[in-house]
Amino acid sequence: MNTEKIEDASLNPAALAYLNNAIISMSVQGDQGEVYSGNKVAFETSEILPSYVGVAFPVKGKYGFSLSVSIPYNEYESTQWIEETTIQHPEGTGRFYRFIWLKRFYAFNTTMAFTIFIFL
């Protein structure tokens, strides 16, 4: 199990990504009949700069863009225990990972939707 990815995941508030996924899924599915897939999300995390989730999606032949931003503040020390799971032991192996130094975020949603006109 890659611990770096788990630590990075704790730096980016998942609620913003899920909210974006829901908004984009509804708009794309309603317009194109296409089910939105999460692997199209572009995201970046940082300990200093704001984290963001950005998605471009088609709407009636044009393109829209959705962006959510969260700003980190006040690094604090905390302990989090996560049990390791494997394919052979989905219920858990009894081994735990301990994570320290989590981030708090001002997690506000700036989900902007606008249309980008492309003239050919």
PDB file of N, CA and C in Angstrom:
ATOM      1  N   MET A   1       0.848  -1.182   0.000  1.00  0.00           N
ATOM      2  CA  MET A   1       0.000   0.000   0.000  1.00  0.00           C
ATOM      3  C   MET A   1       0.887   1.237   0.000  1.00  0.00           C
ATOM      4  N   ASN A   2       0.579   2.191  -0.860  1.00  0.00           N
ATOM      5  CA  ASN A   2       1.386   3.396  -0.988  1.00  0.00           C
ATOM      6  C   ASN A   2       0.932   4.428   0.041  1.00  0.00           C
ATOM      7  N   THR A   3       1.768   4.657   1.064  1.00  0.00           N
ATOM      8  CA  THR A   3       1.376   5.575   2.136  1.00  0.00           C
ATOM      9  C   THR A   3       1.389   7.018   1.679  1.00  0.00           C
ATOM     10  N   GLU A   4       2.191   7.359   0.664  1.00  0.00           N
ATOM     11  CA  GLU A   4       2.225   8.738   0.179  1.00  0.00           C
ATOM     12  C   GLU A   4       0.866   9.155  -0.360  1.00  0.00           C
ATOM     13  N   LYS A   5       0.208   8.258  -1.084  1.00  0.00           N
ATOM     14  CA  LYS A   5      -1.090   8.593  -1.647  1.00  0.00           C
ATOM     15  C   LYS A   5      -2.121   8.797  -0.546  1.00  0.00           C
ATOM     16  N   ILE A   6      -2.042   7.983   0.502  1.00  0.00           N
ATOM     17  CA  ILE A   6      -2.981   8.143   1.610  1.00  0.00           C
ATOM     18  C   ILE A   6      -2.748   9.478   2.297  1.00  0.00           C
ATOM     19  N   GLU A   7      -1.483   9.833   2.520  1.00  0.00           N
ATOM     20  CA  GLU A   7      -1.188  11.113   3.157  1.00  0.00           C
ATOM     21  C   GLU A   7      -1.644  12.267   2.276  1.00  0.00           C
ATOM     22  N   ASP A   8      -1.422  12.171   0.956  1.00  0.00           N
ATOM     23  CA  ASP A   8      -1.859  13.225   0.050  1.00  0.00           C
ATOM     24  C   ASP A   8      -3.378  13.350   0.049  1.00  0.00           C
ATOM     25  N   ALA A   9      -4.057  12.211   0.150  1.00  0.00           N
ATOM     26  CA  ALA A   9      -5.514  12.250   0.147  1.00  0.00           C
ATOM     27  C   ALA A   9      -6.038  13.004   1.359  1.00  0.00           C
ATOM     28  N   SER A  10      -5.324  12.935   2.484  1.00  0.00           N
ATOM     29  CA  SER A  10      -5.791  13.638   3.676  1.00  0.00           C
ATOM     30  C   SER A  10      -5.592  15.139   3.564  1.00  0.00           C
ATOM     31  N   LEU A  11      -4.793  15.590   2.584  1.00  0.00           N
ATOM     32  CA  LEU A  11      -4.574  17.021   2.407  1.00  0.00           C
ATOM     33  C   LEU A  11      -5.642  17.666   1.530  1.00  0.00           C
ATOM     34  N   ASN A  12      -6.418  16.891   0.835  1.00  0.00           N
ATOM     35  CA  ASN A  12      -7.406  17.449  -0.087  1.00  0.00           C
ATOM     36  C   ASN A  12      -8.805  17.069   0.387  1.00  0.00           C
ATOM     37  N   PRO A  13      -9.631  18.031   0.729  1.00  0.00           N
ATOM     38  CA  PRO A  13     -10.960  17.694   1.252  1.00  0.00           C
ATOM     39  C   PRO A  13     -11.794  16.954   0.214  1.00  0.00           C
ATOM     40  N   ALA A  14     -12.209  15.765   0.554  1.00  0.00           N
ATOM     41  CA  ALA A  14     -12.924  14.926  -0.408  1.00  0.00           C
ATOM     42  C   ALA A  14     -14.317  15.450  -0.711  1.00  0.00           C
ATOM     43  N   ALA A  15     -14.908  16.181   0.218  1.00  0.00           N
ATOM     44  CA  ALA A  15     -16.276  16.662   0.010  1.00  0.00           C
ATOM     45  C   ALA A  15     -16.376  17.530  -1.232  1.00  0.00           C
ATOM     46  N   LEU A  16     -15.359  18.333  -1.495  1.00  0.00           N
ATOM     47  CA  LEU A  16     -15.395  19.199  -2.678  1.00  0.00           C
ATOM     48  C   LEU A  16     -15.386  18.370  -3.952  1.00  0.00           C
ATOM     49  N   ALA A  17     -14.568  17.323  -3.972  1.00  0.00           N
ATOM     50  CA  ALA A  17     -14.504  16.467  -5.157  1.00  0.00           C
ATOM     51  C   ALA A  17     -15.834  15.751  -5.374  1.00  0.00           C
ATOM     52  N   TYR A  18     -16.449  15.255  -4.299  1.00  0.00           N
ATOM     53  CA  TYR A  18     -17.721  14.555  -4.443  1.00  0.00           C
ATOM     54  C   TYR A  18     -18.822  15.498  -4.916  1.00  0.00           C
ATOM     55  N   LEU A  19     -18.807  16.731  -4.401  1.00  0.00           N
ATOM     56  CA  LEU A  19     -19.799  17.705  -4.835  1.00  0.00           C
ATOM     57  C   LEU A  19     -19.627  18.020  -6.314  1.00  0.00           C
ATOM     58  N   ASN A  20     -18.388  18.212  -6.731  1.00  0.00           N
ATOM     59  CA  ASN A  20     -18.128  18.450  -8.151  1.00  0.00           C
ATOM     60  C   ASN A  20     -18.589  17.276  -9.000  1.00  0.00           C
ATOM     61  N   ASN A  21     -18.271  16.066  -8.553  1.00  0.00           N
ATOM     62  CA  ASN A  21     -18.666  14.886  -9.317  1.00  0.00           C
ATOM     63  C   ASN A  21     -20.180  14.828  -9.492  1.00  0.00           C
ATOM     64  N   ALA A  22     -20.915  15.164  -8.436  1.00  0.00           N
ATOM     65  CA  ALA A  22     -22.374  15.115  -8.515  1.00  0.00           C
ATOM     66  C   ALA A  22     -22.906  16.155  -9.489  1.00  0.00           C
ATOM     67  N   ILE A  23     -22.374  17.381  -9.412  1.00  0.00           N
ATOM     68  CA  ILE A  23     -22.833  18.453 -10.300  1.00  0.00           C
ATOM     69  C   ILE A  23     -22.545  18.111 -11.753  1.00  0.00           C
ATOM     70  N   ILE A  24     -21.307  17.683 -12.017  1.00  0.00           N
ATOM     71  CA  ILE A  24     -20.923  17.390 -13.395  1.00  0.00           C
ATOM     72  C   ILE A  24     -21.689  16.180 -13.913  1.00  0.00           C
ATOM     73  N   SER A  25     -21.870  15.185 -13.067  1.00  0.00           N
ATOM     74  CA  SER A  25     -22.580  13.979 -13.480  1.00  0.00           C
ATOM     75  C   SER A  25     -23.996  14.318 -13.919  1.00  0.00           C
ATOM     76  N   MET A  26     -24.675  15.160 -13.145  1.00  0.00           N
ATOM     77  CA  MET A  26     -26.051  15.516 -13.489  1.00  0.00           C
ATOM     78  C   MET A  26     -26.112  16.295 -14.792  1.00  0.00           C
ATOM     79  N   SER A  27     -25.213  17.252 -14.968  1.00  0.00           N
ATOM     80  CA  SER A  27     -25.274  18.087 -16.170  1.00  0.00           C
ATOM     81  C   SER A  27     -24.908  17.295 -17.420  1.00  0.00           C
ATOM     82  N   VAL A  28     -23.870  16.474 -17.344  1.00  0.00           N
ATOM     83  CA  VAL A  28     -23.445  15.715 -18.521  1.00  0.00           C
ATOM     84  C   VAL A  28     -24.449  14.618 -18.847  1.00  0.00           C
ATOM     85  N   GLN A  29     -24.914  13.923 -17.823  1.00  0.00           N
ATOM     86  CA  GLN A  29     -25.851  12.832 -18.080  1.00  0.00           C
ATOM     87  C   GLN A  29     -27.155  13.382 -18.649  1.00  0.00           C
ATOM     88  N   GLY A  30     -27.602  14.535 -18.124  1.00  0.00           N
ATOM     89  CA  GLY A  30     -28.846  15.117 -18.614  1.00  0.00           C
ATOM     90  C   GLY A  30     -28.732  15.598 -20.046  1.00  0.00           C
ATOM     91  N   ASP A  31     -27.566  16.084 -20.433  1.00  0.00           N
ATOM     92  CA  ASP A  31     -27.403  16.671 -21.763  1.00  0.00           C
ATOM     93  C   ASP A  31     -26.922  15.655 -22.794  1.00  0.00           C
ATOM     94  N   GLN A  32     -25.953  14.844 -22.424  1.00  0.00           N
ATOM     95  CA  GLN A  32     -25.309  13.945 -23.382  1.00  0.00           C
ATOM     96  C   GLN A  32     -25.727  12.481 -23.220  1.00  0.00           C
ATOM     97  N   GLY A  33     -26.397  12.145 -22.121  1.00  0.00           N
ATOM     98  CA  GLY A  33     -26.693  10.759 -21.844  1.00  0.00           C
ATOM     99  C   GLY A  33     -25.456   9.977 -21.446  1.00  0.00           C
ATOM    100  N   GLU A  34     -24.393  10.688 -21.084  1.00  0.00           N
ATOM    101  CA  GLU A  34     -23.121  10.050 -20.724  1.00  0.00           C
ATOM    102  C   GLU A  34     -22.976  10.079 -19.206  1.00  0.00           C
ATOM    103  N   VAL A  35     -22.574   8.963 -18.638  1.00  0.00           N
ATOM    104  CA  VAL A  35     -22.353   8.910 -17.198  1.00  0.00           C
ATOM    105  C   VAL A  35     -20.949   9.411 -16.913  1.00  0.00           C
ATOM    106  N   TYR A  36     -20.859  10.359 -16.020  1.00  0.00           N
ATOM    107  CA  TYR A  36     -19.558  10.965 -15.695  1.00  0.00           C
ATOM    108  C   TYR A  36     -18.683   9.972 -14.950  1.00  0.00           C
ATOM    109  N   SER A  37     -17.419   9.900 -15.303  1.00  0.00           N
ATOM    110  CA  SER A  37     -16.491   9.007 -14.607  1.00  0.00           C
ATOM    111  C   SER A  37     -15.470   9.832 -13.836  1.00  0.00           C
ATOM    112  N   GLY A  38     -15.169   9.389 -12.621  1.00  0.00           N
ATOM    113  CA  GLY A  38     -14.287  10.140 -11.738  1.00  0.00           C
ATOM    114  C   GLY A  38     -12.865  10.276 -12.216  1.00  0.00           C
ATOM    115  N   ASN A  39     -12.428   9.429 -13.165  1.00  0.00           N
ATOM    116  CA  ASN A  39     -11.036   9.520 -13.616  1.00  0.00           C
ATOM    117  C   ASN A  39     -10.795  10.725 -14.518  1.00  0.00           C
ATOM    118  N   LYS A  40     -11.835  11.493 -14.825  1.00  0.00           N
ATOM    119  CA  LYS A  40     -11.657  12.696 -15.633  1.00  0.00           C
ATOM    120  C   LYS A  40     -11.407  13.928 -14.762  1.00  0.00           C
ATOM    121  N   VAL A  41     -11.371  13.748 -13.455  1.00  0.00           N
ATOM    122  CA  VAL A  41     -11.149  14.878 -12.548  1.00  0.00           C
ATOM    123  C   VAL A  41      -9.663  15.212 -12.511  1.00  0.00           C
ATOM    124  N   ALA A  42      -9.336  16.488 -12.649  1.00  0.00           N
ATOM    125  CA  ALA A  42      -7.954  16.945 -12.500  1.00  0.00           C
ATOM    126  C   ALA A  42      -7.840  17.608 -11.134  1.00  0.00           C
ATOM    127  N   PHE A  43      -6.975  17.099 -10.279  1.00  0.00           N
ATOM    128  CA  PHE A  43      -6.862  17.700  -8.955  1.00  0.00           C
ATOM    129  C   PHE A  43      -5.406  17.855  -8.565  1.00  0.00           C
ATOM    130  N   GLU A  44      -5.161  18.767  -7.659  1.00  0.00           N
ATOM    131  CA  GLU A  44      -3.806  19.044  -7.191  1.00  0.00           C
ATOM    132  C   GLU A  44      -3.881  19.351  -5.703  1.00  0.00           C
ATOM    133  N   THR A  45      -2.903  18.883  -4.958  1.00  0.00           N
ATOM    134  CA  THR A  45      -2.858  19.206  -3.535  1.00  0.00           C
ATOM    135  C   THR A  45      -1.557  19.913  -3.216  1.00  0.00           C
ATOM    136  N   SER A  46      -1.583  20.716  -2.177  1.00  0.00           N
ATOM    137  CA  SER A  46      -0.400  21.450  -1.768  1.00  0.00           C
ATOM    138  C   SER A  46      -0.510  21.755  -0.286  1.00  0.00           C
ATOM    139  N   GLU A  47       0.627  21.821   0.398  1.00  0.00           N
ATOM    140  CA  GLU A  47       0.615  22.169   1.809  1.00  0.00           C
ATOM    141  C   GLU A  47       0.582  23.670   2.021  1.00  0.00           C
ATOM    142  N   ILE A  48       0.876  24.448   0.998  1.00  0.00           N
ATOM    143  CA  ILE A  48       0.932  25.903   1.135  1.00  0.00           C
ATOM    144  C   ILE A  48      -0.109  26.566   0.246  1.00  0.00           C
ATOM    145  N   LEU A  49      -0.131  26.180  -1.023  1.00  0.00           N
ATOM    146  CA  LEU A  49      -1.061  26.784  -1.972  1.00  0.00           C
ATOM    147  C   LEU A  49      -2.446  26.154  -1.842  1.00  0.00           C
ATOM    148  N   PRO A  50      -3.474  26.847  -2.318  1.00  0.00           N
ATOM    149  CA  PRO A  50      -4.819  26.260  -2.272  1.00  0.00           C
ATOM    150  C   PRO A  50      -4.903  24.966  -3.069  1.00  0.00           C
ATOM    151  N   SER A  51      -5.736  24.051  -2.604  1.00  0.00           N
ATOM    152  CA  SER A  51      -6.018  22.825  -3.344  1.00  0.00           C
ATOM    153  C   SER A  51      -7.239  23.079  -4.207  1.00  0.00           C
ATOM    154  N   TYR A  52      -7.305  22.426  -5.337  1.00  0.00           N
ATOM    155  CA  TYR A  52      -8.434  22.662  -6.218  1.00  0.00           C
ATOM    156  C   TYR A  52      -8.840  21.385  -6.931  1.00  0.00           C
ATOM    157  N   VAL A  53     -10.069  21.364  -7.356  1.00  0.00           N
ATOM    158  CA  VAL A  53     -10.592  20.295  -8.196  1.00  0.00           C
ATOM    159  C   VAL A  53     -11.213  20.977  -9.397  1.00  0.00           C
ATOM    160  N   GLY A  54     -10.763  20.648 -10.598  1.00  0.00           N
ATOM    161  CA  GLY A  54     -11.289  21.288 -11.799  1.00  0.00           C
ATOM    162  C   GLY A  54     -11.737  20.254 -12.812  1.00  0.00           C
ATOM    163  N   VAL A  55     -12.874  20.485 -13.421  1.00  0.00           N
ATOM    164  CA  VAL A  55     -13.414  19.547 -14.399  1.00  0.00           C
ATOM    165  C   VAL A  55     -13.961  20.320 -15.587  1.00  0.00           C
ATOM    166  N   ALA A  56     -13.637  19.892 -16.804  1.00  0.00           N
ATOM    167  CA  ALA A  56     -14.246  20.444 -18.016  1.00  0.00           C
ATOM    168  C   ALA A  56     -15.242  19.426 -18.548  1.00  0.00           C
ATOM    169  N   PHE A  57     -16.381  19.886 -19.002  1.00  0.00           N
ATOM    170  CA  PHE A  57     -17.412  18.963 -19.453  1.00  0.00           C
ATOM    171  C   PHE A  57     -18.194  19.575 -20.616  1.00  0.00           C
ATOM    172  N   PRO A  58     -18.734  18.736 -21.507  1.00  0.00           N
ATOM    173  CA  PRO A  58     -19.495  19.246 -22.652  1.00  0.00           C
ATOM    174  C   PRO A  58     -20.936  19.556 -22.274  1.00  0.00           C
ATOM    175  N   VAL A  59     -21.441  20.676 -22.771  1.00  0.00           N
ATOM    176  CA  VAL A  59     -22.844  21.035 -22.583  1.00  0.00           C
ATOM    177  C   VAL A  59     -23.362  21.597 -23.902  1.00  0.00           C
ATOM    178  N   LYS A  60     -24.229  20.875 -24.564  1.00  0.00           N
ATOM    179  CA  LYS A  60     -24.852  21.315 -25.816  1.00  0.00           C
ATOM    180  C   LYS A  60     -23.836  21.795 -26.844  1.00  0.00           C
ATOM    181  N   GLY A  61     -22.798  21.022 -27.079  1.00  0.00           N
ATOM    182  CA  GLY A  61     -21.817  21.351 -28.103  1.00  0.00           C
ATOM    183  C   GLY A  61     -20.768  22.351 -27.678  1.00  0.00           C
ATOM    184  N   LYS A  62     -20.899  22.938 -26.499  1.00  0.00           N
ATOM    185  CA  LYS A  62     -19.892  23.864 -25.997  1.00  0.00           C
ATOM    186  C   LYS A  62     -19.216  23.180 -24.813  1.00  0.00           C
ATOM    187  N   TYR A  63     -18.383  23.906 -24.095  1.00  0.00           N
ATOM    188  CA  TYR A  63     -17.721  23.318 -22.939  1.00  0.00           C
ATOM    189  C   TYR A  63     -17.957  24.174 -21.710  1.00  0.00           C
ATOM    190  N   GLY A  64     -18.117  23.506 -20.593  1.00  0.00           N
ATOM    191  CA  GLY A  64     -18.229  24.194 -19.316  1.00  0.00           C
ATOM    192  C   GLY A  64     -17.046  23.827 -18.450  1.00  0.00           C
ATOM    193  N   PHE A  65     -16.862  24.538 -17.366  1.00  0.00           N
ATOM    194  CA  PHE A  65     -15.751  24.263 -16.457  1.00  0.00           C
ATOM    195  C   PHE A  65     -16.226  24.463 -15.035  1.00  0.00           C
ATOM    196  N   SER A  66     -15.878  23.546 -14.163  1.00  0.00           N
ATOM    197  CA  SER A  66     -16.255  23.630 -12.762  1.00  0.00           C
ATOM    198  C   SER A  66     -15.003  23.609 -11.913  1.00  0.00           C
ATOM    199  N   LEU A  67     -14.946  24.470 -10.911  1.00  0.00           N
ATOM    200  CA  LEU A  67     -13.752  24.582 -10.075  1.00  0.00           C
ATOM    201  C   LEU A  67     -14.149  24.700  -8.617  1.00  0.00           C
ATOM    202  N   SER A  68     -13.531  23.890  -7.757  1.00  0.00           N
ATOM    203  CA  SER A  68     -13.703  24.006  -6.314  1.00  0.00           C
ATOM    204  C   SER A  68     -12.347  24.258  -5.683  1.00  0.00           C
ATOM    205  N   VAL A  69     -12.304  25.135  -4.696  1.00  0.00           N
ATOM    206  CA  VAL A  69     -11.037  25.539  -4.091  1.00  0.00           C
ATOM    207  C   VAL A  69     -11.124  25.401  -2.581  1.00  0.00           C
ATOM    208  N   SER A  70     -10.028  24.976  -1.965  1.00  0.00           N
ATOM    209  CA  SER A  70      -9.918  24.984  -0.504  1.00  0.00           C
ATOM    210  C   SER A  70      -8.550  25.533  -0.134  1.00  0.00           C
ATOM    211  N   ILE A  71      -8.489  26.318   0.932  1.00  0.00           N
ATOM    212  CA  ILE A  71      -7.250  26.979   1.332  1.00  0.00           C
ATOM    213  C   ILE A  71      -6.783  26.392   2.664  1.00  0.00           C
ATOM    214  N   PRO A  72      -5.547  25.889   2.733  1.00  0.00           N
ATOM    215  CA  PRO A  72      -5.046  25.322   3.985  1.00  0.00           C
ATOM    216  C   PRO A  72      -4.710  26.414   4.994  1.00  0.00           C
ATOM    217  N   TYR A  73      -4.817  26.085   6.268  1.00  0.00           N
ATOM    218  CA  TYR A  73      -4.406  27.005   7.319  1.00  0.00           C
ATOM    219  C   TYR A  73      -4.015  26.210   8.557  1.00  0.00           C
ATOM    220  N   ASN A  74      -3.161  26.797   9.362  1.00  0.00           N
ATOM    221  CA  ASN A  74      -2.794  26.261  10.673  1.00  0.00           C
ATOM    222  C   ASN A  74      -2.523  24.756  10.688  1.00  0.00           C
ATOM    223  N   GLU A  75      -1.324  24.386  10.333  1.00  0.00           N
ATOM    224  CA  GLU A  75      -0.935  22.978  10.429  1.00  0.00           C
ATOM    225  C   GLU A  75      -0.985  22.569  11.899  1.00  0.00           C
ATOM    226  N   TYR A  76      -1.536  21.421  12.182  1.00  0.00           N
ATOM    227  CA  TYR A  76      -1.627  20.979  13.561  1.00  0.00           C
ATOM    228  C   TYR A  76      -1.277  19.504  13.637  1.00  0.00           C
ATOM    229  N   GLU A  77      -0.931  19.076  14.828  1.00  0.00           N
ATOM    230  CA  GLU A  77      -0.528  17.681  15.007  1.00  0.00           C
ATOM    231  C   GLU A  77      -1.722  16.868  15.469  1.00  0.00           C
ATOM    232  N   SER A  78      -1.899  15.742  14.837  1.00  0.00           N
ATOM    233  CA  SER A  78      -2.989  14.851  15.181  1.00  0.00           C
ATOM    234  C   SER A  78      -2.565  13.432  14.838  1.00  0.00           C
ATOM    235  N   THR A  79      -3.190  12.468  15.468  1.00  0.00           N
ATOM    236  CA  THR A  79      -2.873  11.070  15.191  1.00  0.00           C
ATOM    237  C   THR A  79      -4.085  10.398  14.572  1.00  0.00           C
ATOM    238  N   GLN A  80      -3.850   9.666  13.520  1.00  0.00           N
ATOM    239  CA  GLN A  80      -4.916   8.933  12.849  1.00  0.00           C
ATOM    240  C   GLN A  80      -4.412   7.523  12.577  1.00  0.00           C
ATOM    241  N   TRP A  81      -5.190   6.538  13.000  1.00  0.00           N
ATOM    242  CA  TRP A  81      -4.811   5.144  12.770  1.00  0.00           C
ATOM    243  C   TRP A  81      -5.689   4.569  11.672  1.00  0.00           C
ATOM    244  N   ILE A  82      -5.074   3.955  10.672  1.00  0.00           N
ATOM    245  CA  ILE A  82      -5.810   3.329   9.577  1.00  0.00           C
ATOM    246  C   ILE A  82      -5.351   1.879   9.456  1.00  0.00           C
ATOM    247  N   GLU A  83      -6.322   0.955   9.470  1.00  0.00           N
ATOM    248  CA  GLU A  83      -5.976  -0.465   9.366  1.00  0.00           C
ATOM    249  C   GLU A  83      -5.722  -0.845   7.917  1.00  0.00           C
ATOM    250  N   GLU A  84      -4.672  -1.629   7.705  1.00  0.00           N
ATOM    251  CA  GLU A  84      -4.333  -2.099   6.365  1.00  0.00           C
ATOM    252  C   GLU A  84      -5.341  -3.154   5.924  1.00  0.00           C
ATOM    253  N   THR A  85      -5.779  -3.060   4.670  1.00  0.00           N
ATOM    254  CA  THR A  85      -6.622  -4.095   4.078  1.00  0.00           C
ATOM    255  C   THR A  85      -5.954  -4.591   2.801  1.00  0.00           C
ATOM    256  N   THR A  86      -6.171  -5.849   2.496  1.00  0.00           N
ATOM    257  CA  THR A  86      -5.631  -6.444   1.273  1.00  0.00           C
ATOM    258  C   THR A  86      -6.750  -7.208   0.575  1.00  0.00           C
ATOM    259  N   ILE A  87      -6.470  -7.706  -0.620  1.00  0.00           N
ATOM    260  CA  ILE A  87      -7.467  -8.501  -1.345  1.00  0.00           C
ATOM    261  C   ILE A  87      -7.790  -9.770  -0.570  1.00  0.00           C
ATOM    262  N   GLN A  88      -6.758 -10.370   0.038  1.00  0.00           N
ATOM    263  CA  GLN A  88      -6.968 -11.598   0.807  1.00  0.00           C
ATOM    264  C   GLN A  88      -7.673 -11.320   2.138  1.00  0.00           C
ATOM    265  N   HIS A  89      -7.492 -10.110   2.679  1.00  0.00           N
ATOM    266  CA  HIS A  89      -8.077  -9.754   3.980  1.00  0.00           C
ATOM    267  C   HIS A  89      -8.804  -8.415   3.875  1.00  0.00           C
ATOM    268  N   PRO A  90      -9.975  -8.376   3.203  1.00  0.00           N
ATOM    269  CA  PRO A  90     -10.690  -7.102   3.073  1.00  0.00           C
ATOM    270  C   PRO A  90     -11.213  -6.578   4.405  1.00  0.00           C
ATOM    271  N   GLU A  91     -11.341  -7.475   5.399  1.00  0.00           N
ATOM    272  CA  GLU A  91     -11.821  -7.043   6.713  1.00  0.00           C
ATOM    273  C   GLU A  91     -10.722  -6.389   7.535  1.00  0.00           C
ATOM    274  N   GLY A  92      -9.475  -6.504   7.080  1.00  0.00           N
ATOM    275  CA  GLY A  92      -8.347  -5.893   7.790  1.00  0.00           C
ATOM    276  C   GLY A  92      -7.324  -6.937   8.184  1.00  0.00           C
ATOM    277  N   THR A  93      -6.059  -6.543   8.214  1.00  0.00           N
ATOM    278  CA  THR A  93      -4.976  -7.472   8.539  1.00  0.00           C
ATOM    279  C   THR A  93      -4.542  -7.382   9.993  1.00  0.00           C
ATOM    280  N   GLY A  94      -5.036  -6.381  10.698  1.00  0.00           N
ATOM    281  CA  GLY A  94      -4.584  -6.196  12.073  1.00  0.00           C
ATOM    282  C   GLY A  94      -3.382  -5.277  12.172  1.00  0.00           C
ATOM    283  N   ARG A  95      -2.798  -4.899  11.027  1.00  0.00           N
ATOM    284  CA  ARG A  95      -1.684  -3.945  11.015  1.00  0.00           C
ATOM    285  C   ARG A  95      -2.249  -2.549  10.773  1.00  0.00           C
ATOM    286  N   PHE A  96      -1.738  -1.593  11.508  1.00  0.00           N
ATOM    287  CA  PHE A  96      -2.250  -0.234  11.413  1.00  0.00           C
ATOM    288  C   PHE A  96      -1.159   0.723  10.974  1.00  0.00           C
ATOM    289  N   TYR A  97      -1.570   1.737  10.206  1.00  0.00           N
ATOM    290  CA  TYR A  97      -0.681   2.839   9.845  1.00  0.00           C
ATOM    291  C   TYR A  97      -1.039   4.030  10.724  1.00  0.00           C
ATOM    292  N   ARG A  98      -0.024   4.751  11.153  1.00  0.00           N
ATOM    293  CA  ARG A  98      -0.257   5.937  11.976  1.00  0.00           C
ATOM    294  C   ARG A  98       0.165   7.169  11.189  1.00  0.00           C
ATOM    295  N   PHE A  99      -0.737   8.118  11.063  1.00  0.00           N
ATOM    296  CA  PHE A  99      -0.446   9.353  10.342  1.00  0.00           C
ATOM    297  C   PHE A  99      -0.457  10.529  11.306  1.00  0.00           C
ATOM    298  N   ILE A 100       0.544  11.364  11.180  1.00  0.00           N
ATOM    299  CA  ILE A 100       0.669  12.561  12.009  1.00  0.00           C
ATOM    300  C   ILE A 100       0.839  13.757  11.070  1.00  0.00           C
ATOM    301  N   TRP A 101       0.518  14.930  11.549  1.00  0.00           N
ATOM    302  CA  TRP A 101       0.622  16.170  10.778  1.00  0.00           C
ATOM    303  C   TRP A 101      -0.436  16.220   9.675  1.00  0.00           C
ATOM    304  N   LEU A 102      -1.618  16.467  10.094  1.00  0.00           N
ATOM    305  CA  LEU A 102      -2.707  16.671   9.152  1.00  0.00           C
ATOM    306  C   LEU A 102      -2.901  18.168   8.931  1.00  0.00           C
ATOM    307  N   LYS A 103      -3.657  18.505   7.908  1.00  0.00           N
ATOM    308  CA  LYS A 103      -3.937  19.909   7.595  1.00  0.00           C
ATOM    309  C   LYS A 103      -5.401  20.218   7.866  1.00  0.00           C
ATOM    310  N   ARG A 104      -5.652  21.426   8.330  1.00  0.00           N
ATOM    311  CA  ARG A 104      -7.017  21.932   8.365  1.00  0.00           C
ATOM    312  C   ARG A 104      -7.202  22.818   7.145  1.00  0.00           C
ATOM    313  N   PHE A 105      -8.431  22.920   6.691  1.00  0.00           N
ATOM    314  CA  PHE A 105      -8.698  23.707   5.490  1.00  0.00           C
ATOM    315  C   PHE A 105      -9.864  24.655   5.723  1.00  0.00           C
ATOM    316  N   TYR A 106      -9.755  25.827   5.127  1.00  0.00           N
ATOM    317  CA  TYR A 106     -10.953  26.603   4.865  1.00  0.00           C
ATOM    318  C   TYR A 106     -11.547  25.942   3.631  1.00  0.00           C
ATOM    319  N   ALA A 107     -12.547  25.131   3.807  1.00  0.00           N
ATOM    320  CA  ALA A 107     -13.085  24.377   2.674  1.00  0.00           C
ATOM    321  C   ALA A 107     -14.350  25.066   2.176  1.00  0.00           C
ATOM    322  N   PHE A 108     -14.186  25.950   1.238  1.00  0.00           N
ATOM    323  CA  PHE A 108     -15.353  26.604   0.660  1.00  0.00           C
ATOM    324  C   PHE A 108     -15.447  26.219  -0.804  1.00  0.00           C
ATOM    325  N   ASN A 109     -16.660  26.140  -1.272  1.00  0.00           N
ATOM    326  CA  ASN A 109     -16.878  25.690  -2.640  1.00  0.00           C
ATOM    327  C   ASN A 109     -17.070  26.898  -3.544  1.00  0.00           C
ATOM    328  N   THR A 110     -16.204  27.028  -4.505  1.00  0.00           N
ATOM    329  CA  THR A 110     -16.336  28.105  -5.486  1.00  0.00           C
ATOM    330  C   THR A 110     -16.699  27.498  -6.833  1.00  0.00           C
ATOM    331  N   THR A 111     -17.571  26.515  -6.799  1.00  0.00           N
ATOM    332  CA  THR A 111     -17.904  25.816  -8.035  1.00  0.00           C
ATOM    333  C   THR A 111     -18.485  26.808  -9.033  1.00  0.00           C
ATOM    334  N   MET A 112     -17.699  27.118 -10.032  1.00  0.00           N
ATOM    335  CA  MET A 112     -18.119  28.054 -11.062  1.00  0.00           C
ATOM    336  C   MET A 112     -18.486  27.247 -12.294  1.00  0.00           C
ATOM    337  N   ALA A 113     -19.578  27.587 -12.893  1.00  0.00           N
ATOM    338  CA  ALA A 113     -19.941  26.940 -14.150  1.00  0.00           C
ATOM    339  C   ALA A 113     -20.114  28.033 -15.189  1.00  0.00           C
ATOM    340  N   PHE A 114     -19.379  27.943 -16.237  1.00  0.00           N
ATOM    341  CA  PHE A 114     -19.527  28.920 -17.305  1.00  0.00           C
ATOM    342  C   PHE A 114     -19.288  28.227 -18.631  1.00  0.00           C
ATOM    343  N   THR A 115     -19.692  28.857 -19.680  1.00  0.00           N
ATOM    344  CA  THR A 115     -19.587  28.271 -21.012  1.00  0.00           C
ATOM    345  C   THR A 115     -18.417  28.892 -21.750  1.00  0.00           C
ATOM    346  N   ILE A 116     -17.626  28.053 -22.379  1.00  0.00           N
ATOM    347  CA  ILE A 116     -16.509  28.505 -23.195  1.00  0.00           C
ATOM    348  C   ILE A 116     -16.943  28.371 -24.655  1.00  0.00           C
ATOM    349  N   PHE A 117     -17.011  29.478 -25.360  1.00  0.00           N
ATOM    350  CA  PHE A 117     -17.416  29.448 -26.764  1.00  0.00           C
ATOM    351  C   PHE A 117     -16.197  29.187 -27.630  1.00  0.00           C
ATOM    352  N   ILE A 118     -16.311  28.244 -28.516  1.00  0.00           N
ATOM    353  CA  ILE A 118     -15.221  27.921 -29.427  1.00  0.00           C
ATOM    354  C   ILE A 118     -15.711  28.189 -30.848  1.00  0.00           C
ATOM    355  N   PHE A 119     -15.081  29.141 -31.504  1.00  0.00           N
ATOM    356  CA  PHE A 119     -15.451  29.478 -32.875  1.00  0.00           C
ATOM    357  C   PHE A 119     -14.449  28.834 -33.822  1.00  0.00           C
ATOM    358  N   LEU A 120     -14.920  28.070 -34.753  1.00  0.00           N
ATOM    359  CA  LEU A 120     -14.042  27.410 -35.713  1.00  0.00           C
ATOM    360  C   LEU A 120     -14.036  28.157 -37.029  1.00  0.00           C
TER     361      LEU A 120
END
